[in-house]
Amino acid sequence: MASQESHSDNGASGHELPAGVDLVIAPRTSDIGAFEVQRLLPSTRRRMVGPFIFVDRMGPATLTEDNPLEVRPHPHIGLATVTYLFAGEIMHRDSLGVVQKIEPGAVNLMTAGQGIVHSERSDPTALAKGVDLFGMQIWMALPHALEETTPAFKHFPATDLPRFRDGDAAISLVAGSYRGETSPVETAMETIYADISLPRGARVTIPAGYEERALYPVRGRIEVSGGTVNTGDLLVLVPGTEVTVEATEDAQLLLLGGAAMDGPRHIWWNFVSSSKDRIEQAKDDWKSGRFPEVPNETDFIPLPE
């Protein structure tokens, strides 16, 4: 999805941090027309967690014929997008010729590398009945050796992802390895992305194994190490420390992280790179029409001025 400018500042919750939590990032909110987006990364207080450089929550919102999702073709470089829905559907089209609908629990993994263009739209036939859209759009920066890799797209149906229990917690493993299970979603560097559901009163321990980790409470109320946290904030965890999460009501949270990136990354609009010059080149390439086109689509999002 195309990056949108946000309109409020990141900030931390006003209470003392729970044990094991290093930083709390409050979301910035923007309206892209069809629905509201809450942005968690990048932040002025933290640029990345593991490979995750861009984390957006989409919705929840009801899409209709009068309020469709219409993200016109736009470019990416130097990253891989991971689209994961809790509800609804999105139709993906890209310059590789891929046309793929994504539905709840499935994963669309698009590797931009040296450059790809895609669009994301509502299926007109579904809009007649209304579509309740809710999900996450996340970008992972690529390591230096793969920043200019050949673009690629892979779809993983929900049935392909490991689903298992950790005590009372139900876990869907989007990417990486966790509790002896491994996702088929291949990432360019060590990554963890787990969707964890907890019934009221249940607890789960988040292991210390990954170098960088963050928790994102999607819905419901949780306590972390006995401390109350705000639903919708991103909780960056202290490296090397286990934390215990308890649901005070039925809850859902995401565990995000992995190995630290091999150096800083620049991000401008939809472009990520270790080189500012490479981003300038991408800007000129998009403005001059040198990116590949999405078949059968003529409209596009212009370069921001």
Protein backbone atom coordinates (compact mmCIF):
# COMPACT_ATOMS: atom_id res chain seq x y z
CA MET A 1 0.00 0.00 0.00
CA ALA A 2 1.21 3.53 -0.65
CA SER A 3 2.55 5.45 2.30
CA GLN A 4 0.39 8.32 3.48
CA GLU A 5 1.43 11.35 5.49
CA SER A 6 0.23 11.24 9.10
CA HIS A 7 -1.11 14.15 11.10
CA SER A 8 -0.23 13.62 14.77
CA ASP A 9 2.94 13.03 16.75
CA ASN A 10 4.14 9.74 18.19
CA GLY A 11 4.23 9.61 21.95
CA ALA A 12 4.47 7.23 24.82
CA SER A 13 1.79 6.28 27.32
CA GLY A 14 1.85 8.47 30.39
CA HIS A 15 2.39 5.73 32.99
CA GLU A 16 5.49 3.90 34.19
CA LEU A 17 6.67 1.24 31.77
CA PRO A 18 6.00 -2.40 32.71
CA ALA A 19 9.01 -4.58 33.44
CA GLY A 20 10.57 -5.79 30.19
CA VAL A 21 9.15 -2.93 28.09
CA ASP A 22 11.78 -0.53 26.77
CA LEU A 23 9.61 1.91 24.84
CA VAL A 24 5.93 2.57 24.12
CA ILE A 25 5.00 4.11 20.78
CA ALA A 26 1.53 5.57 20.34
CA PRO A 27 0.10 5.41 16.80
CA ARG A 28 -0.23 8.33 14.43
CA THR A 29 -3.54 8.44 12.62
CA SER A 30 -4.31 9.37 9.02
CA ASP A 31 -7.36 9.02 6.81
CA ILE A 32 -6.73 7.60 3.33
CA GLY A 33 -10.36 8.03 2.24
CA ALA A 34 -11.79 4.54 2.50
CA PHE A 35 -10.68 4.03 6.08
CA GLU A 36 -8.42 5.19 8.88
CA VAL A 37 -4.80 4.05 9.15
CA GLN A 38 -2.81 3.96 12.38
CA ARG A 39 0.94 4.14 11.83
CA LEU A 40 3.34 2.70 14.41
CA LEU A 41 6.65 2.59 12.54
CA PRO A 42 8.69 4.45 11.53
CA SER A 43 8.65 6.72 14.59
CA THR A 44 10.82 9.62 15.63
CA ARG A 45 11.53 7.51 18.72
CA ARG A 46 12.29 4.22 16.95
CA ARG A 47 12.88 3.66 13.24
CA MET A 48 12.84 -0.15 13.09
CA VAL A 49 12.26 -3.31 15.08
CA GLY A 50 14.23 -6.13 13.49
CA PRO A 51 13.57 -5.81 9.73
CA PHE A 52 10.21 -4.08 10.27
CA ILE A 53 10.52 -0.48 9.11
CA PHE A 54 6.88 0.37 8.41
CA VAL A 55 3.88 -0.90 10.40
CA ASP A 56 0.32 0.23 9.61
CA ARG A 57 -2.99 -0.93 11.02
CA MET A 58 -5.78 -0.67 8.40
CA GLY A 59 -9.30 -0.15 9.73
CA PRO A 60 -11.51 -1.63 10.93
CA ALA A 61 -13.89 -0.07 8.42
CA THR A 62 -16.83 -1.06 6.27
CA LEU A 63 -16.17 -0.67 2.54
CA THR A 64 -19.10 -0.19 0.16
CA GLU A 65 -19.71 0.77 -3.46
CA ASP A 66 -19.67 4.39 -2.29
CA ASN A 67 -16.57 3.86 -0.12
CA PRO A 68 -14.23 1.40 -1.87
CA LEU A 69 -10.54 0.80 -1.38
CA GLU A 70 -8.85 2.27 -4.46
CA VAL A 71 -5.08 2.42 -4.08
CA ARG A 72 -3.83 3.18 -7.59
CA PRO A 73 -0.56 1.77 -8.97
CA HIS A 74 2.49 3.01 -7.06
CA PRO A 75 6.16 1.94 -6.84
CA HIS A 76 8.38 0.33 -4.19
CA ILE A 77 12.10 -0.39 -3.92
CA GLY A 78 14.36 -2.00 -1.31
CA LEU A 79 11.68 -3.67 0.80
CA ALA A 80 9.24 -6.55 1.09
CA THR A 81 5.59 -5.87 1.92
CA VAL A 82 3.65 -8.28 4.12
CA THR A 83 -0.15 -7.96 3.96
CA TYR A 84 -2.14 -9.86 6.60
CA LEU A 85 -5.87 -9.43 7.19
CA PHE A 86 -8.07 -10.12 10.20
CA ALA A 87 -11.24 -9.43 8.20
CA GLY A 88 -12.28 -8.55 4.66
CA GLU A 89 -10.40 -8.90 1.38
CA ILE A 90 -8.11 -6.93 -0.96
CA MET A 91 -7.34 -7.51 -4.64
CA HIS A 92 -3.63 -7.17 -5.41
CA ARG A 93 -2.29 -6.51 -8.93
CA ASP A 94 1.36 -5.86 -9.79
CA SER A 95 3.83 -5.23 -12.60
CA LEU A 96 4.82 -8.90 -12.62
CA GLY A 97 1.32 -9.66 -13.91
CA VAL A 98 0.15 -11.16 -10.60
CA VAL A 99 -3.53 -10.82 -9.70
CA GLN A 100 -4.22 -12.19 -6.22
CA LYS A 101 -7.05 -11.77 -3.74
CA ILE A 102 -6.00 -11.88 -0.09
CA GLU A 103 -8.43 -12.98 2.60
CA PRO A 104 -8.20 -13.27 6.41
CA GLY A 105 -5.34 -15.37 7.76
CA ALA A 106 -3.47 -15.52 4.44
CA VAL A 107 -0.24 -13.70 3.57
CA ASN A 108 0.73 -11.69 0.50
CA LEU A 109 4.52 -11.30 0.40
CA MET A 110 5.74 -8.88 -2.26
CA THR A 111 9.49 -8.35 -2.62
CA ALA A 112 10.18 -5.04 -4.34
CA GLY A 113 13.96 -5.28 -4.61
CA GLN A 114 15.11 -3.19 -7.57
CA GLY A 115 11.56 -2.03 -8.24
CA ILE A 116 7.94 -3.15 -8.49
CA VAL A 117 4.60 -1.41 -9.00
CA HIS A 118 1.28 -2.58 -7.57
CA SER A 119 -2.28 -1.57 -6.84
CA GLU A 120 -4.69 -2.61 -4.09
CA ARG A 121 -8.42 -2.40 -4.64
CA SER A 122 -11.75 -3.68 -3.46
CA ASP A 123 -13.47 -6.42 -5.46
CA PRO A 124 -16.55 -4.65 -6.94
CA THR A 125 -18.71 -7.77 -6.55
CA ALA A 126 -17.98 -7.92 -2.82
CA LEU A 127 -18.69 -4.22 -2.30
CA ALA A 128 -22.37 -4.71 -3.16
CA LYS A 129 -22.77 -6.53 0.17
CA GLY A 130 -20.21 -4.48 2.08
CA VAL A 131 -16.72 -5.53 3.17
CA ASP A 132 -15.54 -5.17 6.76
CA LEU A 133 -11.82 -4.57 6.24
CA PHE A 134 -9.34 -4.92 9.10
CA GLY A 135 -5.68 -5.87 8.90
CA MET A 136 -2.01 -4.99 8.88
CA GLN A 137 0.26 -3.63 6.16
CA ILE A 138 3.90 -4.08 7.10
CA TRP A 139 7.15 -3.39 5.27
CA MET A 140 10.40 -5.23 5.94
CA ALA A 141 13.66 -3.61 4.84
CA LEU A 142 15.94 -5.86 2.82
CA PRO A 143 19.55 -6.53 3.84
CA HIS A 144 22.30 -4.83 1.80
CA ALA A 145 22.95 -7.89 -0.36
CA LEU A 146 19.29 -8.11 -1.45
CA GLU A 147 18.22 -4.46 -1.75
CA GLU A 148 18.44 -4.73 -5.55
CA THR A 149 17.16 -8.29 -5.86
CA THR A 150 14.73 -9.33 -8.60
CA PRO A 151 11.12 -8.43 -7.69
CA ALA A 152 8.90 -11.32 -6.65
CA PHE A 153 5.45 -12.10 -5.26
CA LYS A 154 4.21 -15.07 -3.25
CA HIS A 155 0.80 -15.83 -1.79
CA PHE A 156 0.36 -18.15 1.20
CA PRO A 157 -3.19 -19.33 1.94
CA ALA A 158 -4.28 -19.32 5.58
CA THR A 159 -4.21 -23.13 5.57
CA ASP A 160 -0.44 -23.06 4.86
CA LEU A 161 0.44 -21.15 8.04
CA PRO A 162 1.23 -23.09 11.23
CA ARG A 163 -1.56 -22.84 13.80
CA PHE A 164 -0.87 -24.20 17.25
CA ARG A 165 -1.37 -23.62 20.96
CA ASP A 166 1.02 -22.37 23.60
CA GLY A 167 -0.92 -23.19 26.76
CA ASP A 168 -4.20 -21.29 26.44
CA ALA A 169 -2.84 -19.07 23.64
CA ALA A 170 -3.83 -19.78 20.02
CA ILE A 171 -1.04 -18.80 17.63
CA SER A 172 -0.93 -18.27 13.87
CA LEU A 173 2.68 -18.00 12.72
CA VAL A 174 2.92 -15.49 9.89
CA ALA A 175 6.72 -15.59 9.52
CA GLY A 176 9.75 -17.02 11.27
CA SER A 177 10.08 -19.76 13.88
CA TYR A 178 8.36 -19.91 17.26
CA ARG A 179 7.91 -22.66 19.85
CA GLY A 180 9.25 -25.32 17.50
CA GLU A 181 7.07 -24.29 14.52
CA THR A 182 8.28 -22.59 11.33
CA SER A 183 6.25 -20.56 8.84
CA PRO A 184 6.62 -21.25 5.09
CA VAL A 185 6.82 -17.48 4.50
CA GLU A 186 10.48 -16.97 3.59
CA THR A 187 12.08 -13.73 4.76
CA ALA A 188 15.41 -12.17 3.81
CA MET A 189 16.71 -12.16 7.39
CA GLU A 190 15.78 -13.63 10.76
CA THR A 191 12.20 -12.56 11.47
CA ILE A 192 9.37 -13.27 13.88
CA TYR A 193 5.75 -12.33 13.12
CA ALA A 194 3.16 -14.16 15.22
CA ASP A 195 -0.57 -13.54 15.68
CA ILE A 196 -1.51 -14.53 19.26
CA SER A 197 -5.07 -14.83 20.62
CA LEU A 198 -5.68 -15.07 24.37
CA PRO A 199 -8.98 -15.76 26.15
CA ARG A 200 -9.74 -13.71 29.24
CA GLY A 201 -7.55 -14.74 32.16
CA ALA A 202 -5.01 -16.59 30.01
CA ARG A 203 -1.27 -15.94 30.08
CA VAL A 204 1.54 -16.42 27.60
CA THR A 205 5.28 -15.93 27.99
CA ILE A 206 7.08 -14.11 25.18
CA PRO A 207 10.53 -15.70 24.86
CA ALA A 208 13.73 -13.66 24.72
CA GLY A 209 15.17 -15.46 21.70
CA TYR A 210 15.01 -12.76 19.02
CA GLU A 211 17.40 -9.81 19.09
CA GLU A 212 14.67 -7.16 18.68
CA ARG A 213 10.99 -7.63 19.54
CA ALA A 214 7.80 -5.61 19.86
CA LEU A 215 4.26 -6.44 20.94
CA TYR A 216 1.22 -4.85 19.34
CA PRO A 217 -2.10 -5.32 21.21
CA VAL A 218 -4.64 -5.37 18.36
CA ARG A 219 -7.81 -5.64 20.45
CA GLY A 220 -8.92 -6.52 23.93
CA ARG A 221 -7.07 -5.60 27.12
CA ILE A 222 -3.77 -7.09 28.26
CA GLU A 223 -1.26 -6.64 31.04
CA VAL A 224 2.48 -7.03 30.40
CA SER A 225 4.54 -8.18 33.39
CA GLY A 226 1.67 -7.08 35.61
CA GLY A 227 1.52 -3.56 34.12
CA THR A 228 -1.44 -2.16 32.19
CA VAL A 229 -0.82 -1.11 28.58
CA ASN A 230 -2.95 0.68 26.01
CA THR A 231 -4.51 -1.30 23.18
CA GLY A 232 -3.11 0.05 19.92
CA ASP A 233 0.30 1.12 21.28
CA LEU A 234 3.47 -0.60 20.06
CA LEU A 235 5.50 -2.00 22.97
CA VAL A 236 9.22 -2.34 22.18
CA LEU A 237 10.65 -4.99 24.50
CA VAL A 238 13.95 -4.97 26.38
CA PRO A 239 16.41 -7.23 24.50
CA GLY A 240 17.12 -10.57 26.14
CA THR A 241 14.19 -10.36 28.57
CA GLU A 242 11.15 -12.62 28.77
CA VAL A 243 7.81 -10.94 29.44
CA THR A 244 4.51 -12.41 30.54
CA VAL A 245 1.29 -11.25 28.91
CA GLU A 246 -2.08 -11.74 30.62
CA ALA A 247 -5.45 -11.04 28.99
CA THR A 248 -7.87 -9.17 31.24
CA GLU A 249 -10.46 -9.69 28.51
CA ASP A 250 -10.38 -11.70 25.27
CA ALA A 251 -7.41 -10.24 23.41
CA GLN A 252 -5.32 -10.44 20.26
CA LEU A 253 -1.71 -9.28 19.93
CA LEU A 254 1.09 -9.45 17.39
CA LEU A 255 4.71 -10.30 18.12
CA LEU A 256 7.05 -8.59 15.65
CA GLY A 257 10.84 -8.55 15.41
CA GLY A 258 13.97 -10.40 14.44
CA ALA A 259 17.63 -9.67 13.86
CA ALA A 260 18.75 -6.04 13.86
CA MET A 261 19.12 -4.57 10.38
CA ASP A 262 22.64 -4.40 8.91
CA GLY A 263 22.86 -0.63 9.06
CA PRO A 264 20.44 2.32 8.89
CA ARG A 265 17.82 2.71 6.19
CA HIS A 266 16.36 5.80 4.55
CA ILE A 267 12.64 5.88 3.83
CA TRP A 268 10.89 8.34 1.53
CA TRP A 269 7.31 7.77 0.36
CA ASN A 270 7.31 4.12 -0.82
CA PHE A 271 11.07 3.79 -1.18
CA VAL A 272 13.47 2.19 1.32
CA SER A 273 17.23 2.08 0.80
CA SER A 274 20.59 2.28 2.55
CA SER A 275 21.50 4.92 -0.06
CA LYS A 276 19.97 8.38 -0.36
CA ASP A 277 21.18 8.51 -3.97
CA ARG A 278 19.24 5.32 -4.75
CA ILE A 279 16.06 6.90 -3.42
CA GLU A 280 16.66 9.99 -5.54
CA GLN A 281 17.07 7.72 -8.57
CA ALA A 282 13.80 5.94 -7.76
CA LYS A 283 12.00 9.27 -7.45
CA ASP A 284 13.27 10.33 -10.87
CA ASP A 285 12.46 6.92 -12.39
CA TRP A 286 8.84 7.08 -11.20
CA LYS A 287 8.41 10.69 -12.33
CA SER A 288 9.88 9.83 -15.74
CA GLY A 289 7.83 6.65 -16.25
CA ARG A 290 10.74 4.21 -16.10
CA PHE A 291 9.16 1.78 -13.64
CA PRO A 292 7.31 -1.24 -15.09
CA GLU A 293 3.54 -0.92 -15.45
CA VAL A 294 0.72 -2.93 -13.93
CA PRO A 295 -1.02 -4.69 -16.84
CA ASN A 296 -4.44 -3.28 -17.77
CA GLU A 297 -4.08 -0.29 -15.42
CA THR A 298 -3.36 3.17 -16.75
CA ASP A 299 -3.92 5.38 -13.69
CA PHE A 300 -1.22 5.82 -11.06
CA ILE A 301 -0.29 7.80 -7.94
CA PRO A 302 1.99 10.72 -8.91
CA LEU A 303 5.25 11.36 -7.12
CA PRO A 304 4.53 13.60 -4.10
CA GLU A 305 5.82 17.12 -4.53
